[in-house]
Amino acid sequence: QYHDVWVIAEQRYGEIKPVTFELLGTARRLASARGGQVWCVMLGHNITRYADDCFHRQADVVLAVDDPELTHFVDDTYANIIVDLINKYRPEIVLCGATSRGRALLPRVAVQVNAGLTADCTGLEIEPETGNLLQTRPAFGGNIMATIKCMNHRPQMATVRPRVMSEPELDKNRTGKLISEPLPESMVSRRLHILQTFKDDEDTTSIADAHFIVAGGRGVQGPRGFDVLKEFAHLVGGAVGASRAAVDAGWIEYAHQVGQTGQTVQPRVYIACGVSGQIQHLVGMQSAQTIIAINRDANAPIMKIPDYAIVGDLFDVLPAMADELKRL
């Protein structure tokens, strides 16, 4: 009765967010294991213009509800629509980004369709023997990784942390089927009205989008220590990250926090400076293409995972690296 893997697309400020494409790549792998198709569910106004973007990144079907009422994200309205679509088309698996919108939306859907939901997943696989979705996420403060199965109810639902999965390569030769559904007035929630939206135009590079991140932990020793990291990040056109310990100490703002309780990042280069390497932090940065760790303690947990481990004082090593880069 249930088949196919759905991805709930996220669109903001006129563009599809990268987490949608990351999930489409994962959905293709899961759907292939189950012999199904990949569906991308798109809600919004003038949203169908993005259908080809999803086809080019592994979607077989785009299921769209395109209406001016959906210009702004209202969680109750969006949830009502997705519940109706699930009851009509009966997907086996439903995936959504673990963003502020996804975290507001998918729990509402799960309750209404009587399904289980695993939040903040970092890994998804199909169990060969049963066909169940194996949903892996950090648990107990990030000290262990738990694998969860929803065996008795369908669809199986999960939110997935952005930048954990790899985005599939763009294939402009791929096409698919577009299904457009109307928006019944009965599904529109009137208890909340969006009066105005504001986009954050902060000049600093977001760690979520940065290709180069310099992150500091307790070894930075204080707010002034982060000035060294900021200078280096500016030199390479990157962003500054931080461990939870540094944020909790008040040395830098929460927006810079990397890890289970912060942001998951996937830069090309990640330099961990004075970071001990607790699992809560590793969950957020271990997908970086190249990891460099600078630490005075050769036995620190962080020194077990990098591509390059430098035993030394970050206040000596980082300026020396900066001097070498300036000579290039």
C-alpha atoms as a PDB file:
ATOM      1  CA  GLN A   1       0.000   0.000   0.000  1.00  0.00           C
ATOM      2  CA  TYR A   2       2.935   2.350   0.601  1.00  0.00           C
ATOM      3  CA  HIS A   3       5.657   3.086  -1.929  1.00  0.00           C
ATOM      4  CA  ASP A   4       8.194   5.710  -3.024  1.00  0.00           C
ATOM      5  CA  VAL A   5      10.422   8.120  -1.115  1.00  0.00           C
ATOM      6  CA  TRP A   6       9.299  11.718  -0.667  1.00  0.00           C
ATOM      7  CA  VAL A   7      11.412  14.805  -0.047  1.00  0.00           C
ATOM      8  CA  ILE A   8       9.664  17.923   1.234  1.00  0.00           C
ATOM      9  CA  ALA A   9      11.380  20.795  -0.578  1.00  0.00           C
ATOM     10  CA  GLU A  10      12.342  23.975   1.243  1.00  0.00           C
ATOM     11  CA  GLN A  11      12.283  27.268  -0.624  1.00  0.00           C
ATOM     12  CA  ARG A  12      13.228  30.652   0.791  1.00  0.00           C
ATOM     13  CA  TYR A  13      13.682  34.054  -0.815  1.00  0.00           C
ATOM     14  CA  GLY A  14      13.200  32.717  -4.305  1.00  0.00           C
ATOM     15  CA  GLU A  15      15.594  29.784  -4.219  1.00  0.00           C
ATOM     16  CA  ILE A  16      15.520  26.107  -3.301  1.00  0.00           C
ATOM     17  CA  LYS A  17      17.664  25.478  -0.234  1.00  0.00           C
ATOM     18  CA  PRO A  18      20.620  23.079  -0.708  1.00  0.00           C
ATOM     19  CA  VAL A  19      19.257  20.639   1.902  1.00  0.00           C
ATOM     20  CA  THR A  20      16.511  19.748  -0.594  1.00  0.00           C
ATOM     21  CA  PHE A  21      19.051  18.587  -3.156  1.00  0.00           C
ATOM     22  CA  GLU A  22      21.057  16.749  -0.500  1.00  0.00           C
ATOM     23  CA  LEU A  23      17.926  14.823   0.461  1.00  0.00           C
ATOM     24  CA  LEU A  24      17.078  14.052  -3.163  1.00  0.00           C
ATOM     25  CA  GLY A  25      20.437  12.304  -3.508  1.00  0.00           C
ATOM     26  CA  THR A  26      19.767  10.275  -0.371  1.00  0.00           C
ATOM     27  CA  ALA A  27      16.214   9.548  -1.496  1.00  0.00           C
ATOM     28  CA  ARG A  28      17.528   8.126  -4.780  1.00  0.00           C
ATOM     29  CA  ARG A  29      19.678   5.639  -2.889  1.00  0.00           C
ATOM     30  CA  LEU A  30      16.808   4.622  -0.602  1.00  0.00           C
ATOM     31  CA  ALA A  31      14.284   4.399  -3.434  1.00  0.00           C
ATOM     32  CA  SER A  32      16.620   2.225  -5.481  1.00  0.00           C
ATOM     33  CA  ALA A  33      16.902  -0.180  -2.556  1.00  0.00           C
ATOM     34  CA  ARG A  34      13.095  -0.340  -2.320  1.00  0.00           C
ATOM     35  CA  GLY A  35      12.338  -0.395  -6.029  1.00  0.00           C
ATOM     36  CA  GLY A  36      10.458   2.897  -5.853  1.00  0.00           C
ATOM     37  CA  GLN A  37      10.593   6.435  -7.178  1.00  0.00           C
ATOM     38  CA  VAL A  38      11.816   9.725  -5.762  1.00  0.00           C
ATOM     39  CA  TRP A  39       9.102  12.347  -5.291  1.00  0.00           C
ATOM     40  CA  CYS A  40       9.800  15.985  -4.458  1.00  0.00           C
ATOM     41  CA  VAL A  41       6.899  17.790  -2.776  1.00  0.00           C
ATOM     42  CA  MET A  42       6.916  21.538  -3.427  1.00  0.00           C
ATOM     43  CA  LEU A  43       4.598  24.025  -1.705  1.00  0.00           C
ATOM     44  CA  GLY A  44       4.638  27.759  -2.387  1.00  0.00           C
ATOM     45  CA  HIS A  45       3.777  30.480  -4.885  1.00  0.00           C
ATOM     46  CA  ASN A  46       5.294  30.241  -8.389  1.00  0.00           C
ATOM     47  CA  ILE A  47       7.025  27.138  -7.095  1.00  0.00           C
ATOM     48  CA  THR A  48       6.672  24.984 -10.220  1.00  0.00           C
ATOM     49  CA  ARG A  49       9.432  27.000 -11.933  1.00  0.00           C
ATOM     50  CA  TYR A  50      11.872  25.039  -9.770  1.00  0.00           C
ATOM     51  CA  ALA A  51      10.655  21.625 -10.949  1.00  0.00           C
ATOM     52  CA  ASP A  52      13.502  21.161 -13.431  1.00  0.00           C
ATOM     53  CA  ASP A  53      16.067  21.877 -10.692  1.00  0.00           C
ATOM     54  CA  CYS A  54      14.690  18.898  -8.793  1.00  0.00           C
ATOM     55  CA  PHE A  55      14.484  16.649 -11.854  1.00  0.00           C
ATOM     56  CA  HIS A  56      18.129  17.438 -12.572  1.00  0.00           C
ATOM     57  CA  ARG A  57      18.995  16.221  -9.062  1.00  0.00           C
ATOM     58  CA  GLN A  58      17.344  12.803  -9.075  1.00  0.00           C
ATOM     59  CA  ALA A  59      13.614  13.543  -8.607  1.00  0.00           C
ATOM     60  CA  ASP A  60      11.351  11.338 -10.738  1.00  0.00           C
ATOM     61  CA  VAL A  61       8.143  13.160  -9.813  1.00  0.00           C
ATOM     62  CA  VAL A  62       7.506  16.702  -8.586  1.00  0.00           C
ATOM     63  CA  LEU A  63       4.255  17.046  -6.670  1.00  0.00           C
ATOM     64  CA  ALA A  64       3.420  20.751  -6.469  1.00  0.00           C
ATOM     65  CA  VAL A  65       0.798  22.847  -4.748  1.00  0.00           C
ATOM     66  CA  ASP A  66       1.277  26.323  -6.214  1.00  0.00           C
ATOM     67  CA  ASP A  67      -0.949  29.060  -4.795  1.00  0.00           C
ATOM     68  CA  PRO A  68      -0.579  32.700  -3.634  1.00  0.00           C
ATOM     69  CA  GLU A  69      -1.855  31.587  -0.210  1.00  0.00           C
ATOM     70  CA  LEU A  70       1.430  29.687   0.181  1.00  0.00           C
ATOM     71  CA  THR A  71       3.709  32.672  -0.404  1.00  0.00           C
ATOM     72  CA  HIS A  72       4.669  32.640   3.275  1.00  0.00           C
ATOM     73  CA  PHE A  73       5.389  29.536   5.318  1.00  0.00           C
ATOM     74  CA  VAL A  74       2.585  28.849   7.817  1.00  0.00           C
ATOM     75  CA  ASP A  75       3.230  25.536   9.543  1.00  0.00           C
ATOM     76  CA  ASP A  76      -0.441  24.598  10.088  1.00  0.00           C
ATOM     77  CA  THR A  77      -1.387  25.229   6.457  1.00  0.00           C
ATOM     78  CA  TYR A  78       1.639  23.412   5.069  1.00  0.00           C
ATOM     79  CA  ALA A  79       1.019  20.481   7.426  1.00  0.00           C
ATOM     80  CA  ASN A  80      -2.633  20.205   6.380  1.00  0.00           C
ATOM     81  CA  ILE A  81      -1.628  20.029   2.724  1.00  0.00           C
ATOM     82  CA  ILE A  82       1.090  17.418   3.224  1.00  0.00           C
ATOM     83  CA  VAL A  83      -1.220  15.245   5.343  1.00  0.00           C
ATOM     84  CA  ASP A  84      -3.801  15.324   2.540  1.00  0.00           C
ATOM     85  CA  LEU A  85      -1.164  14.419  -0.057  1.00  0.00           C
ATOM     86  CA  ILE A  86       0.162  11.554   2.087  1.00  0.00           C
ATOM     87  CA  ASN A  87      -3.341  10.123   2.496  1.00  0.00           C
ATOM     88  CA  LYS A  88      -3.866  10.327  -1.269  1.00  0.00           C
ATOM     89  CA  TYR A  89      -0.524   9.043  -2.599  1.00  0.00           C
ATOM     90  CA  ARG A  90       0.703   6.944   0.382  1.00  0.00           C
ATOM     91  CA  PRO A  91       4.507   7.327   0.381  1.00  0.00           C
ATOM     92  CA  GLU A  92       6.627   4.792   2.233  1.00  0.00           C
ATOM     93  CA  ILE A  93       9.252   7.300   3.413  1.00  0.00           C
ATOM     94  CA  VAL A  94       9.010  11.073   3.949  1.00  0.00           C
ATOM     95  CA  LEU A  95      12.165  13.173   4.448  1.00  0.00           C
ATOM     96  CA  CYS A  96      12.569  16.819   5.347  1.00  0.00           C
ATOM     97  CA  GLY A  97      15.468  19.051   6.324  1.00  0.00           C
ATOM     98  CA  ALA A  98      16.057  19.512  10.057  1.00  0.00           C
ATOM     99  CA  THR A  99      15.814  23.280   9.643  1.00  0.00           C
ATOM    100  CA  SER A 100      13.629  25.659  11.620  1.00  0.00           C
ATOM    101  CA  ARG A 101      10.854  25.058   9.085  1.00  0.00           C
ATOM    102  CA  GLY A 102      11.297  21.313   8.920  1.00  0.00           C
ATOM    103  CA  ARG A 103      11.287  21.011  12.698  1.00  0.00           C
ATOM    104  CA  ALA A 104       8.050  23.002  12.854  1.00  0.00           C
ATOM    105  CA  LEU A 105       6.382  21.150   9.998  1.00  0.00           C
ATOM    106  CA  LEU A 106       7.084  17.437  10.127  1.00  0.00           C
ATOM    107  CA  PRO A 107       6.044  16.771  13.768  1.00  0.00           C
ATOM    108  CA  ARG A 108       2.621  18.225  12.946  1.00  0.00           C
ATOM    109  CA  VAL A 109       2.369  15.918   9.948  1.00  0.00           C
ATOM    110  CA  ALA A 110       3.514  12.850  11.875  1.00  0.00           C
ATOM    111  CA  VAL A 111       0.865  13.331  14.557  1.00  0.00           C
ATOM    112  CA  GLN A 112      -1.927  13.668  12.017  1.00  0.00           C
ATOM    113  CA  VAL A 113      -0.974  10.581   9.986  1.00  0.00           C
ATOM    114  CA  ASN A 114      -0.155   8.509  13.104  1.00  0.00           C
ATOM    115  CA  ALA A 115       3.440   7.905  12.054  1.00  0.00           C
ATOM    116  CA  GLY A 116       6.743   7.798  13.874  1.00  0.00           C
ATOM    117  CA  LEU A 117       9.311  10.539  13.343  1.00  0.00           C
ATOM    118  CA  THR A 118      13.063  10.538  13.951  1.00  0.00           C
ATOM    119  CA  ALA A 119      14.569  14.019  14.237  1.00  0.00           C
ATOM    120  CA  ASP A 120      18.035  15.326  13.326  1.00  0.00           C
ATOM    121  CA  CYS A 121      19.211  12.201  11.502  1.00  0.00           C
ATOM    122  CA  THR A 122      22.794  11.970  10.326  1.00  0.00           C
ATOM    123  CA  GLY A 123      22.460   8.642   8.496  1.00  0.00           C
ATOM    124  CA  LEU A 124      19.735   6.761   6.595  1.00  0.00           C
ATOM    125  CA  GLU A 125      19.851   3.208   5.248  1.00  0.00           C
ATOM    126  CA  ILE A 126      17.430   0.455   4.243  1.00  0.00           C
ATOM    127  CA  GLU A 127      17.504  -2.741   6.330  1.00  0.00           C
ATOM    128  CA  PRO A 128      17.873  -5.518   3.732  1.00  0.00           C
ATOM    129  CA  GLU A 129      15.924  -8.157   5.665  1.00  0.00           C
ATOM    130  CA  THR A 130      12.811  -6.085   6.385  1.00  0.00           C
ATOM    131  CA  GLY A 131      12.915  -3.061   4.116  1.00  0.00           C
ATOM    132  CA  ASN A 132      12.590  -0.815   7.163  1.00  0.00           C
ATOM    133  CA  LEU A 133      14.299   2.557   7.195  1.00  0.00           C
ATOM    134  CA  LEU A 134      17.268   2.639   9.580  1.00  0.00           C
ATOM    135  CA  GLN A 135      17.454   6.152  10.981  1.00  0.00           C
ATOM    136  CA  THR A 136      20.674   7.089  12.786  1.00  0.00           C
ATOM    137  CA  ARG A 137      20.963  10.118  15.046  1.00  0.00           C
ATOM    138  CA  PRO A 138      23.013  11.291  18.050  1.00  0.00           C
ATOM    139  CA  ALA A 139      21.488  10.440  21.433  1.00  0.00           C
ATOM    140  CA  PHE A 140      22.214  11.074  25.124  1.00  0.00           C
ATOM    141  CA  GLY A 141      23.831  14.426  24.455  1.00  0.00           C
ATOM    142  CA  GLY A 142      25.741  13.079  21.472  1.00  0.00           C
ATOM    143  CA  ASN A 143      27.584  10.462  23.493  1.00  0.00           C
ATOM    144  CA  ILE A 144      26.180   7.591  21.419  1.00  0.00           C
ATOM    145  CA  MET A 145      24.689   7.134  17.952  1.00  0.00           C
ATOM    146  CA  ALA A 146      21.241   5.505  18.035  1.00  0.00           C
ATOM    147  CA  THR A 147      19.637   3.667  15.116  1.00  0.00           C
ATOM    148  CA  ILE A 148      15.844   3.869  15.147  1.00  0.00           C
ATOM    149  CA  LYS A 149      13.247   1.842  13.248  1.00  0.00           C
ATOM    150  CA  CYS A 150       9.536   2.591  12.816  1.00  0.00           C
ATOM    151  CA  MET A 151       8.290  -0.920  12.131  1.00  0.00           C
ATOM    152  CA  ASN A 152       4.533  -0.724  12.647  1.00  0.00           C
ATOM    153  CA  HIS A 153       3.388   2.470  10.940  1.00  0.00           C
ATOM    154  CA  ARG A 154       3.782   4.137   7.562  1.00  0.00           C
ATOM    155  CA  PRO A 155       5.056   6.426   6.262  1.00  0.00           C
ATOM    156  CA  GLN A 156       8.451   6.336   7.952  1.00  0.00           C
ATOM    157  CA  MET A 157       9.412   9.945   8.594  1.00  0.00           C
ATOM    158  CA  ALA A 158      12.708  11.672   9.374  1.00  0.00           C
ATOM    159  CA  THR A 159      14.258  15.117   9.456  1.00  0.00           C
ATOM    160  CA  VAL A 160      17.889  15.212   8.332  1.00  0.00           C
ATOM    161  CA  ARG A 161      20.515  17.731   9.332  1.00  0.00           C
ATOM    162  CA  PRO A 162      21.657  19.996   6.478  1.00  0.00           C
ATOM    163  CA  ARG A 163      25.137  19.412   5.055  1.00  0.00           C
ATOM    164  CA  VAL A 164      25.340  15.865   6.382  1.00  0.00           C
ATOM    165  CA  MET A 165      24.422  14.221   3.064  1.00  0.00           C
ATOM    166  CA  SER A 166      26.235  14.896  -0.206  1.00  0.00           C
ATOM    167  CA  GLU A 167      24.405  16.784  -2.928  1.00  0.00           C
ATOM    168  CA  PRO A 168      24.038  14.737  -6.150  1.00  0.00           C
ATOM    169  CA  GLU A 169      25.714  15.897  -9.318  1.00  0.00           C
ATOM    170  CA  LEU A 170      23.632  18.071 -11.622  1.00  0.00           C
ATOM    171  CA  ASP A 171      22.261  16.111 -14.589  1.00  0.00           C
ATOM    172  CA  LYS A 172      20.467  18.433 -16.994  1.00  0.00           C
ATOM    173  CA  ASN A 173      19.460  15.495 -19.182  1.00  0.00           C
ATOM    174  CA  ARG A 174      17.104  14.146 -16.507  1.00  0.00           C
ATOM    175  CA  THR A 175      13.406  14.896 -16.774  1.00  0.00           C
ATOM    176  CA  GLY A 176      10.399  13.797 -14.777  1.00  0.00           C
ATOM    177  CA  LYS A 177       6.675  14.067 -14.218  1.00  0.00           C
ATOM    178  CA  LEU A 178       5.027  17.174 -12.769  1.00  0.00           C
ATOM    179  CA  ILE A 179       1.793  16.676 -10.809  1.00  0.00           C
ATOM    180  CA  SER A 180      -0.073  19.831  -9.787  1.00  0.00           C
ATOM    181  CA  GLU A 181      -2.629  19.706  -6.988  1.00  0.00           C
ATOM    182  CA  PRO A 182      -5.104  22.483  -6.087  1.00  0.00           C
ATOM    183  CA  LEU A 183      -5.258  24.127  -2.663  1.00  0.00           C
ATOM    184  CA  PRO A 184      -8.669  23.649  -1.013  1.00  0.00           C
ATOM    185  CA  GLU A 185      -9.707  26.629   1.097  1.00  0.00           C
ATOM    186  CA  SER A 186     -10.439  24.283   4.002  1.00  0.00           C
ATOM    187  CA  MET A 187      -6.711  23.564   4.399  1.00  0.00           C
ATOM    188  CA  VAL A 188      -5.680  27.187   4.862  1.00  0.00           C
ATOM    189  CA  SER A 189      -5.156  28.114   8.512  1.00  0.00           C
ATOM    190  CA  ARG A 190      -6.431  31.607   9.358  1.00  0.00           C
ATOM    191  CA  ARG A 191      -5.200  31.778  12.934  1.00  0.00           C
ATOM    192  CA  LEU A 192      -1.801  33.116  11.893  1.00  0.00           C
ATOM    193  CA  HIS A 193      -1.039  35.895   9.412  1.00  0.00           C
ATOM    194  CA  ILE A 194       2.445  36.857   8.210  1.00  0.00           C
ATOM    195  CA  LEU A 195       2.576  40.666   8.082  1.00  0.00           C
ATOM    196  CA  GLN A 196       6.163  41.124   6.933  1.00  0.00           C
ATOM    197  CA  THR A 197       9.376  39.145   6.613  1.00  0.00           C
ATOM    198  CA  PHE A 198      12.943  40.358   7.020  1.00  0.00           C
ATOM    199  CA  LYS A 199      16.045  38.786   5.534  1.00  0.00           C
ATOM    200  CA  ASP A 200      19.234  38.808   7.566  1.00  0.00           C
ATOM    201  CA  ASP A 201      21.731  40.847   5.541  1.00  0.00           C
ATOM    202  CA  GLU A 202      24.641  40.466   7.942  1.00  0.00           C
ATOM    203  CA  ASP A 203      27.950  40.902   6.140  1.00  0.00           C
ATOM    204  CA  THR A 204      29.758  38.098   7.937  1.00  0.00           C
ATOM    205  CA  THR A 205      30.058  34.753   6.173  1.00  0.00           C
ATOM    206  CA  SER A 206      27.675  32.159   7.559  1.00  0.00           C
ATOM    207  CA  ILE A 207      29.348  28.963   8.747  1.00  0.00           C
ATOM    208  CA  ALA A 208      26.547  27.030   7.075  1.00  0.00           C
ATOM    209  CA  ASP A 209      27.640  28.228   3.617  1.00  0.00           C
ATOM    210  CA  ALA A 210      31.382  28.704   4.170  1.00  0.00           C
ATOM    211  CA  HIS A 211      33.915  26.662   2.194  1.00  0.00           C
ATOM    212  CA  PHE A 212      36.623  27.394   4.767  1.00  0.00           C
ATOM    213  CA  ILE A 213      36.029  27.391   8.533  1.00  0.00           C
ATOM    214  CA  VAL A 214      38.438  28.168  11.349  1.00  0.00           C
ATOM    215  CA  ALA A 215      36.935  26.919  14.617  1.00  0.00           C
ATOM    216  CA  GLY A 216      38.026  27.514  18.185  1.00  0.00           C
ATOM    217  CA  GLY A 217      37.482  25.643  21.430  1.00  0.00           C
ATOM    218  CA  ARG A 218      38.637  26.009  25.013  1.00  0.00           C
ATOM    219  CA  GLY A 219      42.229  26.324  23.795  1.00  0.00           C
ATOM    220  CA  VAL A 220      41.416  29.754  22.354  1.00  0.00           C
ATOM    221  CA  GLN A 221      41.363  30.886  26.007  1.00  0.00           C
ATOM    222  CA  GLY A 222      38.957  33.779  25.625  1.00  0.00           C
ATOM    223  CA  PRO A 223      37.313  36.375  23.340  1.00  0.00           C
ATOM    224  CA  ARG A 224      40.647  37.892  22.356  1.00  0.00           C
ATOM    225  CA  GLY A 225      41.836  34.499  21.174  1.00  0.00           C
ATOM    226  CA  PHE A 226      39.034  34.472  18.630  1.00  0.00           C
ATOM    227  CA  ASP A 227      40.446  37.679  17.127  1.00  0.00           C
ATOM    228  CA  VAL A 228      43.349  35.577  15.833  1.00  0.00           C
ATOM    229  CA  LEU A 229      40.909  33.136  14.258  1.00  0.00           C
ATOM    230  CA  LYS A 230      38.892  35.973  12.711  1.00  0.00           C
ATOM    231  CA  GLU A 231      42.022  37.452  11.116  1.00  0.00           C
ATOM    232  CA  PHE A 232      42.940  34.110   9.595  1.00  0.00           C
ATOM    233  CA  ALA A 233      39.347  33.519   8.389  1.00  0.00           C
ATOM    234  CA  HIS A 234      39.343  36.949   6.742  1.00  0.00           C
ATOM    235  CA  LEU A 235      42.637  36.130   5.012  1.00  0.00           C
ATOM    236  CA  VAL A 236      41.222  32.971   3.411  1.00  0.00           C
ATOM    237  CA  GLY A 237      37.700  34.278   2.832  1.00  0.00           C
ATOM    238  CA  GLY A 238      36.221  31.906   5.372  1.00  0.00           C
ATOM    239  CA  ALA A 239      34.120  31.923   8.518  1.00  0.00           C
ATOM    240  CA  VAL A 240      34.761  31.430  12.225  1.00  0.00           C
ATOM    241  CA  GLY A 241      33.261  28.460  14.042  1.00  0.00           C
ATOM    242  CA  ALA A 242      33.294  27.484  17.690  1.00  0.00           C
ATOM    243  CA  SER A 243      32.732  24.580  20.023  1.00  0.00           C
ATOM    244  CA  ARG A 244      29.881  24.604  22.501  1.00  0.00           C
ATOM    245  CA  ALA A 245      32.326  25.161  25.353  1.00  0.00           C
ATOM    246  CA  ALA A 246      33.555  28.408  23.787  1.00  0.00           C
ATOM    247  CA  VAL A 247      30.003  29.622  23.165  1.00  0.00           C
ATOM    248  CA  ASP A 248      28.837  28.678  26.663  1.00  0.00           C
ATOM    249  CA  ALA A 249      31.778  30.621  28.081  1.00  0.00           C
ATOM    250  CA  GLY A 250      30.513  33.717  26.284  1.00  0.00           C
ATOM    251  CA  TRP A 251      33.587  34.097  24.099  1.00  0.00           C
ATOM    252  CA  ILE A 252      31.628  34.153  20.818  1.00  0.00           C
ATOM    253  CA  GLU A 253      27.993  34.224  19.678  1.00  0.00           C
ATOM    254  CA  TYR A 254      25.857  31.102  19.298  1.00  0.00           C
ATOM    255  CA  ALA A 255      25.563  31.647  15.526  1.00  0.00           C
ATOM    256  CA  HIS A 256      29.147  30.343  15.273  1.00  0.00           C
ATOM    257  CA  GLN A 257      28.531  27.090  17.169  1.00  0.00           C
ATOM    258  CA  VAL A 258      29.305  23.856  15.309  1.00  0.00           C
ATOM    259  CA  GLY A 259      27.987  20.534  16.545  1.00  0.00           C
ATOM    260  CA  GLN A 260      24.929  18.661  17.674  1.00  0.00           C
ATOM    261  CA  THR A 261      23.425  21.677  19.425  1.00  0.00           C
ATOM    262  CA  GLY A 262      24.744  24.107  16.824  1.00  0.00           C
ATOM    263  CA  GLN A 263      25.064  23.808  13.055  1.00  0.00           C
ATOM    264  CA  THR A 264      26.265  20.973  10.862  1.00  0.00           C
ATOM    265  CA  VAL A 265      28.822  22.188   8.343  1.00  0.00           C
ATOM    266  CA  GLN A 266      30.445  20.681   5.273  1.00  0.00           C
ATOM    267  CA  PRO A 267      33.283  22.988   4.207  1.00  0.00           C
ATOM    268  CA  ARG A 268      36.168  22.140   1.952  1.00  0.00           C
ATOM    269  CA  VAL A 269      38.613  22.908   4.776  1.00  0.00           C
ATOM    270  CA  TYR A 270      37.962  22.852   8.527  1.00  0.00           C
ATOM    271  CA  ILE A 271      40.693  23.967  10.934  1.00  0.00           C
ATOM    272  CA  ALA A 272      39.988  23.021  14.553  1.00  0.00           C
ATOM    273  CA  CYS A 273      42.057  25.205  16.884  1.00  0.00           C
ATOM    274  CA  GLY A 274      42.205  24.182  20.513  1.00  0.00           C
ATOM    275  CA  VAL A 275      39.104  22.010  20.119  1.00  0.00           C
ATOM    276  CA  SER A 276      39.122  18.899  22.320  1.00  0.00           C
ATOM    277  CA  GLY A 277      36.990  16.829  19.922  1.00  0.00           C
ATOM    278  CA  GLN A 278      33.964  15.711  21.916  1.00  0.00           C
ATOM    279  CA  ILE A 279      31.409  13.699  19.929  1.00  0.00           C
ATOM    280  CA  GLN A 280      28.913  16.576  20.122  1.00  0.00           C
ATOM    281  CA  HIS A 281      31.305  18.700  18.077  1.00  0.00           C
ATOM    282  CA  LEU A 282      32.477  15.958  15.725  1.00  0.00           C
ATOM    283  CA  VAL A 283      28.898  15.261  14.610  1.00  0.00           C
ATOM    284  CA  GLY A 284      28.741  18.760  13.184  1.00  0.00           C
ATOM    285  CA  MET A 285      32.016  18.872  11.237  1.00  0.00           C
ATOM    286  CA  GLN A 286      33.167  15.378  10.365  1.00  0.00           C
ATOM    287  CA  SER A 287      31.831  15.679   6.784  1.00  0.00           C
ATOM    288  CA  ALA A 288      34.383  18.375   5.927  1.00  0.00           C
ATOM    289  CA  GLN A 289      36.503  17.462   2.906  1.00  0.00           C
ATOM    290  CA  THR A 290      39.798  18.274   4.661  1.00  0.00           C
ATOM    291  CA  ILE A 291      40.199  18.529   8.435  1.00  0.00           C
ATOM    292  CA  ILE A 292      43.212  20.158  10.098  1.00  0.00           C
ATOM    293  CA  ALA A 293      43.574  20.025  13.879  1.00  0.00           C
ATOM    294  CA  ILE A 294      45.886  22.248  15.925  1.00  0.00           C
ATOM    295  CA  ASN A 295      46.247  21.230  19.560  1.00  0.00           C
ATOM    296  CA  ARG A 296      48.950  21.187  22.199  1.00  0.00           C
ATOM    297  CA  ASP A 297      47.694  17.791  23.424  1.00  0.00           C
ATOM    298  CA  ALA A 298      48.694  15.060  20.981  1.00  0.00           C
ATOM    299  CA  ASN A 299      46.261  12.687  22.710  1.00  0.00           C
ATOM    300  CA  ALA A 300      43.186  14.907  22.446  1.00  0.00           C
ATOM    301  CA  PRO A 301      40.234  13.116  20.744  1.00  0.00           C
ATOM    302  CA  ILE A 302      40.262  15.640  17.879  1.00  0.00           C
ATOM    303  CA  MET A 303      43.764  14.483  16.906  1.00  0.00           C
ATOM    304  CA  LYS A 304      42.444  11.042  15.923  1.00  0.00           C
ATOM    305  CA  ILE A 305      40.286  12.169  13.005  1.00  0.00           C
ATOM    306  CA  PRO A 306      42.018  14.906  10.963  1.00  0.00           C
ATOM    307  CA  ASP A 307      43.769  14.636   7.650  1.00  0.00           C
ATOM    308  CA  TYR A 308      46.539  16.772   9.168  1.00  0.00           C
ATOM    309  CA  ALA A 309      47.252  16.984  12.920  1.00  0.00           C
ATOM    310  CA  ILE A 310      49.577  19.709  14.176  1.00  0.00           C
ATOM    311  CA  VAL A 311      50.840  19.407  17.750  1.00  0.00           C
ATOM    312  CA  GLY A 312      51.535  22.940  18.929  1.00  0.00           C
ATOM    313  CA  ASP A 313      50.191  26.191  20.299  1.00  0.00           C
ATOM    314  CA  LEU A 314      47.547  27.628  17.982  1.00  0.00           C
ATOM    315  CA  PHE A 315      48.823  31.154  18.714  1.00  0.00           C
ATOM    316  CA  ASP A 316      52.146  30.144  17.166  1.00  0.00           C
ATOM    317  CA  VAL A 317      50.898  27.842  14.421  1.00  0.00           C
ATOM    318  CA  LEU A 318      48.052  29.920  12.994  1.00  0.00           C
ATOM    319  CA  PRO A 319      50.079  33.134  12.497  1.00  0.00           C
ATOM    320  CA  ALA A 320      52.857  31.073  10.902  1.00  0.00           C
ATOM    321  CA  MET A 321      50.340  29.568   8.484  1.00  0.00           C
ATOM    322  CA  ALA A 322      49.011  33.053   7.733  1.00  0.00           C
ATOM    323  CA  ASP A 323      52.522  34.317   6.951  1.00  0.00           C
ATOM    324  CA  GLU A 324      53.067  31.456   4.495  1.00  0.00           C
ATOM    325  CA  LEU A 325      49.743  32.152   2.772  1.00  0.00           C
ATOM    326  CA  LYS A 326      50.605  35.842   2.386  1.00  0.00           C
ATOM    327  CA  ARG A 327      53.771  34.879   0.551  1.00  0.00           C
ATOM    328  CA  LEU A 328      51.846  32.951  -2.094  1.00  0.00           C
END
